[in-house]
PDB file of N, CA and C in Angstrom:
ATOM      1  N   MET A   1     -17.198   6.529   3.308  1.00  0.00           N
ATOM      2  CA  MET A   1     -17.361   6.860   4.677  1.00  0.00           C
ATOM      3  C   MET A   1     -16.147   7.888   4.727  1.00  0.00           C
ATOM      4  N   GLU A   2     -16.590   9.010   5.892  1.00  0.00           N
ATOM      5  CA  GLU A   2     -15.688  10.112   5.781  1.00  0.00           C
ATOM      6  C   GLU A   2     -14.510   9.880   6.864  1.00  0.00           C
ATOM      7  N   ASN A   3     -13.820  10.658   6.841  1.00  0.00           N
ATOM      8  CA  ASN A   3     -12.685  10.697   7.384  1.00  0.00           C
ATOM      9  C   ASN A   3     -12.473  12.483   8.549  1.00  0.00           C
ATOM     10  N   LYS A   4     -13.367  12.108   9.892  1.00  0.00           N
ATOM     11  CA  LYS A   4     -13.445  14.109  10.252  1.00  0.00           C
ATOM     12  C   LYS A   4     -13.351  13.192  11.938  1.00  0.00           C
ATOM     13  N   GLY A   5     -12.470  14.732  12.167  1.00  0.00           N
ATOM     14  CA  GLY A   5     -11.816  15.362  13.381  1.00  0.00           C
ATOM     15  C   GLY A   5     -10.436  15.205  13.779  1.00  0.00           C
ATOM     16  N   THR A   6      -9.946  14.938  14.733  1.00  0.00           N
ATOM     17  CA  THR A   6      -8.520  15.052  15.405  1.00  0.00           C
ATOM     18  C   THR A   6      -8.316  13.075  14.995  1.00  0.00           C
ATOM     19  N   ASP A   7      -9.398  12.549  15.200  1.00  0.00           N
ATOM     20  CA  ASP A   7      -8.164  10.703  14.998  1.00  0.00           C
ATOM     21  C   ASP A   7      -8.426  10.092  13.708  1.00  0.00           C
ATOM     22  N   PHE A   8      -7.659  10.954  13.387  1.00  0.00           N
ATOM     23  CA  PHE A   8      -7.921  10.284  12.364  1.00  0.00           C
ATOM     24  C   PHE A   8      -6.119   9.355  12.141  1.00  0.00           C
ATOM     25  N   SER A   9      -6.097   8.018  12.443  1.00  0.00           N
ATOM     26  CA  SER A   9      -5.305   7.082  12.181  1.00  0.00           C
ATOM     27  C   SER A   9      -4.538   6.529  11.846  1.00  0.00           C
ATOM     28  N   GLU A  10      -5.421   6.210   9.561  1.00  0.00           N
ATOM     29  CA  GLU A  10      -4.860   5.660   8.313  1.00  0.00           C
ATOM     30  C   GLU A  10      -4.133   6.667   8.186  1.00  0.00           C
ATOM     31  N   GLU A  11      -2.996   5.179   7.942  1.00  0.00           N
ATOM     32  CA  GLU A  11      -1.436   5.349   7.386  1.00  0.00           C
ATOM     33  C   GLU A  11      -1.478   5.553   5.850  1.00  0.00           C
ATOM     34  N   TRP A  12      -0.678   6.570   5.294  1.00  0.00           N
ATOM     35  CA  TRP A  12      -0.841   6.411   4.063  1.00  0.00           C
ATOM     36  C   TRP A  12       1.253   5.836   3.286  1.00  0.00           C
ATOM     37  N   ILE A  13       0.334   5.094   2.391  1.00  0.00           N
ATOM     38  CA  ILE A  13       2.626   5.521   1.909  1.00  0.00           C
ATOM     39  C   ILE A  13       2.363   5.294   0.144  1.00  0.00           C
ATOM     40  N   LYS A  14       3.020   5.918  -0.071  1.00  0.00           N
ATOM     41  CA  LYS A  14       3.304   6.373  -1.175  1.00  0.00           C
ATOM     42  C   LYS A  14       3.480   5.514  -2.163  1.00  0.00           C
ATOM     43  N   ILE A  15       3.635   4.893  -3.099  1.00  0.00           N
ATOM     44  CA  ILE A  15       3.747   3.921  -3.757  1.00  0.00           C
ATOM     45  C   ILE A  15       4.895   4.221  -5.823  1.00  0.00           C
ATOM     46  N   LYS A  16       6.332   4.440  -5.393  1.00  0.00           N
ATOM     47  CA  LYS A  16       6.159   5.010  -6.304  1.00  0.00           C
ATOM     48  C   LYS A  16       6.928   3.522  -7.691  1.00  0.00           C
ATOM     49  N   LYS A  17       6.499   3.976  -8.845  1.00  0.00           N
ATOM     50  CA  LYS A  17       6.435   3.410 -10.168  1.00  0.00           C
ATOM     51  C   LYS A  17       7.660   4.121 -10.516  1.00  0.00           C
ATOM     52  N   ASP A  18       8.514   3.030 -11.129  1.00  0.00           N
ATOM     53  CA  ASP A  18       9.819   4.012 -12.055  1.00  0.00           C
ATOM     54  C   ASP A  18       9.133   4.451 -13.304  1.00  0.00           C
ATOM     55  N   ASP A  19       8.546   3.708 -13.670  1.00  0.00           N
ATOM     56  CA  ASP A  19       8.047   3.735 -14.747  1.00  0.00           C
ATOM     57  C   ASP A  19       6.848   4.656 -15.286  1.00  0.00           C
ATOM     58  N   ILE A  20       6.711   5.294 -14.683  1.00  0.00           N
ATOM     59  CA  ILE A  20       5.345   5.749 -14.511  1.00  0.00           C
ATOM     60  C   ILE A  20       5.961   7.677 -14.214  1.00  0.00           C
ATOM     61  N   PRO A  21       6.591   8.452 -15.966  1.00  0.00           N
ATOM     62  CA  PRO A  21       6.791   9.730 -15.531  1.00  0.00           C
ATOM     63  C   PRO A  21       6.264  10.629 -14.266  1.00  0.00           C
ATOM     64  N   GLU A  22       7.346  10.554 -14.039  1.00  0.00           N
ATOM     65  CA  GLU A  22       6.552  12.254 -12.773  1.00  0.00           C
ATOM     66  C   GLU A  22       5.469  13.334 -13.701  1.00  0.00           C
ATOM     67  N   GLY A  23       4.840  13.386 -13.190  1.00  0.00           N
ATOM     68  CA  GLY A  23       3.486  14.274 -13.747  1.00  0.00           C
ATOM     69  C   GLY A  23       2.441  14.770 -13.019  1.00  0.00           C
ATOM     70  N   GLU A  24       1.503  14.937 -12.858  1.00  0.00           N
ATOM     71  CA  GLU A  24       0.062  16.043 -12.447  1.00  0.00           C
ATOM     72  C   GLU A  24      -0.354  15.396 -13.357  1.00  0.00           C
ATOM     73  N   TYR A  25      -1.238  13.902 -12.926  1.00  0.00           N
ATOM     74  CA  TYR A  25      -2.202  13.381 -13.445  1.00  0.00           C
ATOM     75  C   TYR A  25      -3.635  13.777 -13.279  1.00  0.00           C
ATOM     76  N   ILE A  26      -4.489  12.736 -14.203  1.00  0.00           N
ATOM     77  CA  ILE A  26      -5.582  12.758 -14.202  1.00  0.00           C
ATOM     78  C   ILE A  26      -6.298  11.472 -14.258  1.00  0.00           C
ATOM     79  N   VAL A  27      -7.446  11.318 -13.827  1.00  0.00           N
ATOM     80  CA  VAL A  27      -7.831   9.659 -14.499  1.00  0.00           C
ATOM     81  C   VAL A  27      -8.400   9.587 -15.082  1.00  0.00           C
ATOM     82  N   THR A  28      -9.033   9.398 -17.120  1.00  0.00           N
ATOM     83  CA  THR A  28      -9.137  10.265 -18.308  1.00  0.00           C
ATOM     84  C   THR A  28     -10.320   8.562 -18.350  1.00  0.00           C
ATOM     85  N   ASN A  29      -9.214   7.406 -17.725  1.00  0.00           N
ATOM     86  CA  ASN A  29     -10.752   6.622 -18.141  1.00  0.00           C
ATOM     87  C   ASN A  29     -10.327   5.498 -17.012  1.00  0.00           C
ATOM     88  N   PHE A  30     -11.457   4.871 -16.691  1.00  0.00           N
ATOM     89  CA  PHE A  30     -11.021   3.402 -15.647  1.00  0.00           C
ATOM     90  C   PHE A  30     -11.825   2.462 -15.882  1.00  0.00           C
ATOM     91  N   VAL A  31     -11.974   0.792 -16.169  1.00  0.00           N
ATOM     92  CA  VAL A  31     -11.623   0.186 -16.604  1.00  0.00           C
ATOM     93  C   VAL A  31     -11.849  -1.223 -16.026  1.00  0.00           C
ATOM     94  N   GLN A  32     -13.293  -2.056 -15.605  1.00  0.00           N
ATOM     95  CA  GLN A  32     -12.659  -3.092 -14.884  1.00  0.00           C
ATOM     96  C   GLN A  32     -13.692  -4.100 -15.704  1.00  0.00           C
ATOM     97  N   ASP A  33     -13.106  -5.168 -16.484  1.00  0.00           N
ATOM     98  CA  ASP A  33     -13.575  -5.871 -16.706  1.00  0.00           C
ATOM     99  C   ASP A  33     -13.068  -7.616 -16.167  1.00  0.00           C
ATOM    100  N   LEU A  34     -13.476  -8.980 -16.688  1.00  0.00           N
ATOM    101  CA  LEU A  34     -12.352  -9.779 -16.867  1.00  0.00           C
ATOM    102  C   LEU A  34     -11.887  -9.682 -16.679  1.00  0.00           C
ATOM    103  N   GLU A  35     -10.872  -8.683 -17.912  1.00  0.00           N
ATOM    104  CA  GLU A  35      -9.094  -9.179 -17.907  1.00  0.00           C
ATOM    105  C   GLU A  35      -8.579  -8.781 -16.972  1.00  0.00           C
ATOM    106  N   GLY A  36      -9.255  -7.358 -16.331  1.00  0.00           N
ATOM    107  CA  GLY A  36      -8.842  -7.396 -14.934  1.00  0.00           C
ATOM    108  C   GLY A  36      -9.232  -6.216 -14.786  1.00  0.00           C
ATOM    109  N   THR A  37      -7.944  -5.091 -14.000  1.00  0.00           N
ATOM    110  CA  THR A  37      -8.620  -3.259 -14.138  1.00  0.00           C
ATOM    111  C   THR A  37      -7.468  -2.177 -14.512  1.00  0.00           C
ATOM    112  N   LYS A  38      -7.568  -1.872 -15.018  1.00  0.00           N
ATOM    113  CA  LYS A  38      -6.771  -0.756 -15.831  1.00  0.00           C
ATOM    114  C   LYS A  38      -7.171   0.656 -15.561  1.00  0.00           C
ATOM    115  N   ILE A  39      -6.748   1.192 -15.458  1.00  0.00           N
ATOM    116  CA  ILE A  39      -6.987   3.063 -14.956  1.00  0.00           C
ATOM    117  C   ILE A  39      -6.092   4.329 -15.807  1.00  0.00           C
ATOM    118  N   PHE A  40      -6.436   4.509 -16.456  1.00  0.00           N
ATOM    119  CA  PHE A  40      -5.846   5.793 -17.914  1.00  0.00           C
ATOM    120  C   PHE A  40      -5.444   6.503 -17.069  1.00  0.00           C
ATOM    121  N   LEU A  41      -4.386   7.340 -16.944  1.00  0.00           N
ATOM    122  CA  LEU A  41      -3.967   7.708 -16.337  1.00  0.00           C
ATOM    123  C   LEU A  41      -3.517   9.576 -18.139  1.00  0.00           C
ATOM    124  N   ASN A  42      -3.455  10.572 -17.664  1.00  0.00           N
ATOM    125  CA  ASN A  42      -2.465  11.547 -18.446  1.00  0.00           C
ATOM    126  C   ASN A  42      -2.172  13.039 -17.791  1.00  0.00           C
ATOM    127  N   ASP A  43      -1.239  13.325 -17.666  1.00  0.00           N
ATOM    128  CA  ASP A  43      -0.854  14.725 -17.390  1.00  0.00           C
ATOM    129  C   ASP A  43      -0.973  15.310 -18.539  1.00  0.00           C
ATOM    130  N   GLY A  44      -0.756  15.357 -19.692  1.00  0.00           N
ATOM    131  CA  GLY A  44      -1.167  16.862 -21.160  1.00  0.00           C
ATOM    132  C   GLY A  44      -0.009  16.470 -21.798  1.00  0.00           C
ATOM    133  N   GLU A  45       0.968  15.187 -21.036  1.00  0.00           N
ATOM    134  CA  GLU A  45       1.482  15.021 -22.266  1.00  0.00           C
ATOM    135  C   GLU A  45       2.715  13.333 -21.849  1.00  0.00           C
ATOM    136  N   HIS A  46       1.783  13.094 -20.833  1.00  0.00           N
ATOM    137  CA  HIS A  46       2.407  11.419 -20.778  1.00  0.00           C
ATOM    138  C   HIS A  46       0.571  10.473 -21.048  1.00  0.00           C
ATOM    139  N   ASN A  47       0.375  10.122 -21.587  1.00  0.00           N
ATOM    140  CA  ASN A  47      -0.344   8.391 -21.810  1.00  0.00           C
ATOM    141  C   ASN A  47       0.027   7.570 -20.667  1.00  0.00           C
ATOM    142  N   ILE A  48      -0.530   7.218 -20.142  1.00  0.00           N
ATOM    143  CA  ILE A  48      -0.689   5.694 -18.949  1.00  0.00           C
ATOM    144  C   ILE A  48      -1.766   5.012 -18.694  1.00  0.00           C
ATOM    145  N   GLU A  49      -1.335   4.071 -19.004  1.00  0.00           N
ATOM    146  CA  GLU A  49      -2.307   2.710 -18.692  1.00  0.00           C
ATOM    147  C   GLU A  49      -1.904   2.139 -17.714  1.00  0.00           C
ATOM    148  N   VAL A  50      -2.039   1.338 -16.375  1.00  0.00           N
ATOM    149  CA  VAL A  50      -1.854   0.669 -15.149  1.00  0.00           C
ATOM    150  C   VAL A  50      -2.635  -0.210 -14.633  1.00  0.00           C
ATOM    151  N   PHE A  51      -2.277  -1.239 -15.217  1.00  0.00           N
ATOM    152  CA  PHE A  51      -3.624  -2.604 -15.529  1.00  0.00           C
ATOM    153  C   PHE A  51      -3.263  -3.400 -14.451  1.00  0.00           C
ATOM    154  N   PHE A  52      -3.739  -4.134 -13.796  1.00  0.00           N
ATOM    155  CA  PHE A  52      -4.277  -5.175 -12.426  1.00  0.00           C
ATOM    156  C   PHE A  52      -4.887  -6.024 -12.445  1.00  0.00           C
ATOM    157  N   ASP A  53      -3.928  -7.095 -12.698  1.00  0.00           N
ATOM    158  CA  ASP A  53      -4.650  -8.171 -12.830  1.00  0.00           C
ATOM    159  C   ASP A  53      -5.574  -8.304 -12.259  1.00  0.00           C
ATOM    160  N   GLY A  54      -6.692  -8.892 -12.617  1.00  0.00           N
ATOM    161  CA  GLY A  54      -8.086  -8.616 -11.254  1.00  0.00           C
ATOM    162  C   GLY A  54      -8.359  -7.835 -10.772  1.00  0.00           C
ATOM    163  N   ILE A  55      -9.546  -8.039 -10.072  1.00  0.00           N
ATOM    164  CA  ILE A  55      -9.687  -6.229  -9.101  1.00  0.00           C
ATOM    165  C   ILE A  55      -8.953  -6.589  -7.840  1.00  0.00           C
ATOM    166  N   PRO A  56      -8.370  -5.417  -7.264  1.00  0.00           N
ATOM    167  CA  PRO A  56      -7.748  -4.986  -6.437  1.00  0.00           C
ATOM    168  C   PRO A  56      -8.775  -5.026  -5.508  1.00  0.00           C
ATOM    169  N   VAL A  57      -9.231  -4.767  -4.231  1.00  0.00           N
ATOM    170  CA  VAL A  57      -8.970  -4.938  -2.863  1.00  0.00           C
ATOM    171  C   VAL A  57     -10.261  -4.087  -2.784  1.00  0.00           C
ATOM    172  N   LEU A  58     -10.222  -2.681  -3.458  1.00  0.00           N
ATOM    173  CA  LEU A  58     -10.321  -1.927  -3.191  1.00  0.00           C
ATOM    174  C   LEU A  58     -10.266  -0.211  -4.142  1.00  0.00           C
ATOM    175  N   VAL A  59     -10.691  -0.174  -4.710  1.00  0.00           N
ATOM    176  CA  VAL A  59     -10.090   0.950  -5.535  1.00  0.00           C
ATOM    177  C   VAL A  59     -11.239   2.444  -4.835  1.00  0.00           C
ATOM    178  N   ARG A  60     -10.283   3.560  -4.375  1.00  0.00           N
ATOM    179  CA  ARG A  60     -11.243   4.201  -3.849  1.00  0.00           C
ATOM    180  C   ARG A  60     -11.104   5.923  -4.656  1.00  0.00           C
ATOM    181  N   ASN A  61     -12.196   6.056  -4.964  1.00  0.00           N
ATOM    182  CA  ASN A  61     -12.815   6.886  -5.455  1.00  0.00           C
ATOM    183  C   ASN A  61     -13.360   8.172  -4.634  1.00  0.00           C
ATOM    184  N   THR A  62     -13.275   9.530  -4.859  1.00  0.00           N
ATOM    185  CA  THR A  62     -14.213  10.472  -4.357  1.00  0.00           C
ATOM    186  C   THR A  62     -15.016  11.759  -3.604  1.00  0.00           C
ATOM    187  N   ILE A  63     -15.817  12.034  -4.163  1.00  0.00           N
ATOM    188  CA  ILE A  63     -16.193  12.890  -4.741  1.00  0.00           C
ATOM    189  C   ILE A  63     -14.897  14.502  -4.148  1.00  0.00           C
ATOM    190  N   GLU A  64     -15.277  15.735  -4.376  1.00  0.00           N
ATOM    191  CA  GLU A  64     -13.938  17.135  -4.124  1.00  0.00           C
ATOM    192  C   GLU A  64     -13.998  17.070  -2.792  1.00  0.00           C
ATOM    193  N   GLY A  65     -14.935  17.108  -2.227  1.00  0.00           N
ATOM    194  CA  GLY A  65     -15.761  18.048  -0.728  1.00  0.00           C
ATOM    195  C   GLY A  65     -14.856  16.740   0.186  1.00  0.00           C
ATOM    196  N   CYS A  66     -15.030  15.580  -0.035  1.00  0.00           N
ATOM    197  CA  CYS A  66     -14.850  14.198   0.416  1.00  0.00           C
ATOM    198  C   CYS A  66     -12.921  14.439   0.469  1.00  0.00           C
ATOM    199  N   ARG A  67     -12.081  14.368  -0.162  1.00  0.00           N
ATOM    200  CA  ARG A  67     -11.539  14.341  -1.155  1.00  0.00           C
ATOM    201  C   ARG A  67     -10.654  14.906  -0.502  1.00  0.00           C
ATOM    202  N   MET A  68     -10.278  15.775  -0.381  1.00  0.00           N
ATOM    203  CA  MET A  68      -9.856  17.840   0.146  1.00  0.00           C
ATOM    204  C   MET A  68      -9.860  17.116   2.065  1.00  0.00           C
ATOM    205  N   ARG A  69     -11.103  17.175   2.915  1.00  0.00           N
ATOM    206  CA  ARG A  69     -10.537  16.964   4.202  1.00  0.00           C
ATOM    207  C   ARG A  69      -9.775  15.541   3.966  1.00  0.00           C
ATOM    208  N   THR A  70     -10.033  14.367   3.056  1.00  0.00           N
ATOM    209  CA  THR A  70      -8.255  13.693   3.634  1.00  0.00           C
ATOM    210  C   THR A  70      -7.310  14.265   2.919  1.00  0.00           C
ATOM    211  N   TRP A  71      -7.380  13.973   2.494  1.00  0.00           N
ATOM    212  CA  TRP A  71      -6.219  15.731   2.125  1.00  0.00           C
ATOM    213  C   TRP A  71      -5.639  16.337   3.016  1.00  0.00           C
ATOM    214  N   GLY A  72      -6.307  17.686   3.323  1.00  0.00           N
ATOM    215  CA  GLY A  72      -5.851  18.105   4.478  1.00  0.00           C
ATOM    216  C   GLY A  72      -5.696  16.899   5.906  1.00  0.00           C
ATOM    217  N   ASN A  73      -6.060  16.079   5.937  1.00  0.00           N
ATOM    218  CA  ASN A  73      -6.146  15.472   7.696  1.00  0.00           C
ATOM    219  C   ASN A  73      -3.975  14.138   7.400  1.00  0.00           C
ATOM    220  N   VAL A  74      -4.565  13.823   6.592  1.00  0.00           N
ATOM    221  CA  VAL A  74      -2.890  13.469   5.650  1.00  0.00           C
ATOM    222  C   VAL A  74      -2.220  14.564   5.779  1.00  0.00           C
ATOM    223  N   GLN A  75      -2.321  15.511   5.426  1.00  0.00           N
ATOM    224  CA  GLN A  75      -1.007  16.418   5.172  1.00  0.00           C
ATOM    225  C   GLN A  75      -0.742  17.033   6.616  1.00  0.00           C
ATOM    226  N   LEU A  76      -2.127  17.378   7.409  1.00  0.00           N
ATOM    227  CA  LEU A  76      -1.431  17.781   8.652  1.00  0.00           C
ATOM    228  C   LEU A  76      -0.987  16.486   9.836  1.00  0.00           C
ATOM    229  N   LYS A  77      -1.263  15.119   9.401  1.00  0.00           N
ATOM    230  CA  LYS A  77      -0.954  14.105  10.292  1.00  0.00           C
ATOM    231  C   LYS A  77       0.518  14.413   9.570  1.00  0.00           C
ATOM    232  N   TYR A  78       1.877  14.685   8.595  1.00  0.00           N
ATOM    233  CA  TYR A  78       3.048  14.050   8.166  1.00  0.00           C
ATOM    234  C   TYR A  78       3.289  15.879   7.976  1.00  0.00           C
ATOM    235  N   ASN A  79       2.669  16.673   8.588  1.00  0.00           N
ATOM    236  CA  ASN A  79       3.410  17.999   8.730  1.00  0.00           C
ATOM    237  C   ASN A  79       3.992  18.143   7.014  1.00  0.00           C
ATOM    238  N   ASP A  80       3.252  18.100   6.441  1.00  0.00           N
ATOM    239  CA  ASP A  80       3.870  18.001   4.102  1.00  0.00           C
ATOM    240  C   ASP A  80       2.810  18.710   3.152  1.00  0.00           C
ATOM    241  N   LYS A  81       2.753  19.749   3.342  1.00  0.00           N
ATOM    242  CA  LYS A  81       1.576  20.754   2.194  1.00  0.00           C
ATOM    243  C   LYS A  81       1.731  20.108   0.818  1.00  0.00           C
ATOM    244  N   SER A  82       2.332  18.905   0.533  1.00  0.00           N
ATOM    245  CA  SER A  82       2.764  18.990  -0.616  1.00  0.00           C
ATOM    246  C   SER A  82       2.512  17.804  -0.700  1.00  0.00           C
ATOM    247  N   PHE A  83       2.753  16.558   0.430  1.00  0.00           N
ATOM    248  CA  PHE A  83       2.247  15.193   0.458  1.00  0.00           C
ATOM    249  C   PHE A  83       1.261  14.413  -0.733  1.00  0.00           C
ATOM    250  N   PHE A  84       1.345  14.814  -1.114  1.00  0.00           N
ATOM    251  CA  PHE A  84       0.219  14.283  -2.884  1.00  0.00           C
ATOM    252  C   PHE A  84       0.667  14.639  -4.200  1.00  0.00           C
ATOM    253  N   ARG A  85       1.675  15.866  -4.120  1.00  0.00           N
ATOM    254  CA  ARG A  85       2.300  16.026  -5.364  1.00  0.00           C
ATOM    255  C   ARG A  85       2.882  15.428  -5.492  1.00  0.00           C
ATOM    256  N   LYS A  86       2.148  14.801  -7.530  1.00  0.00           N
ATOM    257  CA  LYS A  86       2.652  13.948  -8.500  1.00  0.00           C
ATOM    258  C   LYS A  86       2.489  12.713  -7.909  1.00  0.00           C
ATOM    259  N   SER A  87       2.503  12.048  -6.695  1.00  0.00           N
ATOM    260  CA  SER A  87       2.266  10.777  -6.474  1.00  0.00           C
ATOM    261  C   SER A  87       0.442  10.610  -6.143  1.00  0.00           C
ATOM    262  N   PHE A  88       0.450   9.646  -7.040  1.00  0.00           N
ATOM    263  CA  PHE A  88      -1.283   8.898  -7.417  1.00  0.00           C
ATOM    264  C   PHE A  88      -1.937   7.669  -6.898  1.00  0.00           C
ATOM    265  N   PHE A  89      -1.134   6.761  -6.752  1.00  0.00           N
ATOM    266  CA  PHE A  89      -0.835   5.432  -5.415  1.00  0.00           C
ATOM    267  C   PHE A  89      -0.582   5.197  -4.572  1.00  0.00           C
ATOM    268  N   PHE A  90      -1.293   5.209  -3.381  1.00  0.00           N
ATOM    269  CA  PHE A  90      -1.012   4.949  -2.596  1.00  0.00           C
ATOM    270  C   PHE A  90      -1.609   3.305  -1.646  1.00  0.00           C
ATOM    271  N   GLU A  91      -0.680   2.755  -0.873  1.00  0.00           N
ATOM    272  CA  GLU A  91      -1.241   1.849  -0.013  1.00  0.00           C
ATOM    273  C   GLU A  91      -2.077   2.568   1.230  1.00  0.00           C
ATOM    274  N   VAL A  92      -3.442   2.037   1.631  1.00  0.00           N
ATOM    275  CA  VAL A  92      -4.246   3.296   3.493  1.00  0.00           C
ATOM    276  C   VAL A  92      -4.198   2.030   4.162  1.00  0.00           C
ATOM    277  N   LYS A  93      -3.343   2.153   5.320  1.00  0.00           N
ATOM    278  CA  LYS A  93      -3.825   1.054   6.152  1.00  0.00           C
ATOM    279  C   LYS A  93      -3.706   1.741   7.288  1.00  0.00           C
ATOM    280  N   LYS A  94      -5.310   0.641   8.492  1.00  0.00           N
ATOM    281  CA  LYS A  94      -5.700   1.730   9.546  1.00  0.00           C
ATOM    282  C   LYS A  94      -6.805   2.002   9.250  1.00  0.00           C
ATOM    283  N   SER A  95      -7.404   1.912   8.334  1.00  0.00           N
ATOM    284  CA  SER A  95      -8.583   2.422   7.176  1.00  0.00           C
ATOM    285  C   SER A  95     -10.123   2.152   8.196  1.00  0.00           C
ATOM    286  N   ASP A  96     -10.379   3.434   8.428  1.00  0.00           N
ATOM    287  CA  ASP A  96     -11.871   3.390   8.808  1.00  0.00           C
ATOM    288  C   ASP A  96     -12.215   1.691   7.082  1.00  0.00           C
ATOM    289  N   LEU A  97     -12.239   2.120   6.326  1.00  0.00           N
ATOM    290  CA  LEU A  97     -12.454   1.154   4.863  1.00  0.00           C
ATOM    291  C   LEU A  97     -12.515  -0.321   5.927  1.00  0.00           C
ATOM    292  N   ASP A  98     -11.685  -0.379   6.580  1.00  0.00           N
ATOM    293  CA  ASP A  98     -10.944  -2.001   6.962  1.00  0.00           C
ATOM    294  C   ASP A  98     -12.338  -2.570   7.968  1.00  0.00           C
ATOM    295  N   ASN A  99     -13.050  -1.796   8.537  1.00  0.00           N
ATOM    296  CA  ASN A  99     -13.730  -2.056   9.920  1.00  0.00           C
ATOM    297  C   ASN A  99     -15.244  -3.129   9.111  1.00  0.00           C
ATOM    298  N   MET A 100     -15.123  -2.749   7.569  1.00  0.00           N
ATOM    299  CA  MET A 100     -16.728  -2.503   7.185  1.00  0.00           C
ATOM    300  C   MET A 100     -15.866  -4.210   6.425  1.00  0.00           C
ATOM    301  N   LYS A 101     -15.373  -5.014   6.784  1.00  0.00           N
ATOM    302  CA  LYS A 101     -14.679  -6.232   6.143  1.00  0.00           C
ATOM    303  C   LYS A 101     -15.687  -7.636   6.486  1.00  0.00           C
TER     304      LYS A 101
END
């Protein structure tokens, strides 16, 4: 599902984790198995493993074009071009994905 047009109702809330050093991370590995969900991040200096006990309801991973469109919509909504800088976990409310339940 893509976000298009001016009717962008999603609310993006940054999730801050004090135990993760600030940085510009990339996902280096993603594992979902019987133990839970593990996301491995690296910013060139730090290797971080984030563990979710069980399987989250949704983990959103998207291709670059769709991601850039979403970023643009969020930056416009919050009037903040650096909204995503150094943040990588968000809670999204009022998502179009809510209608897929």
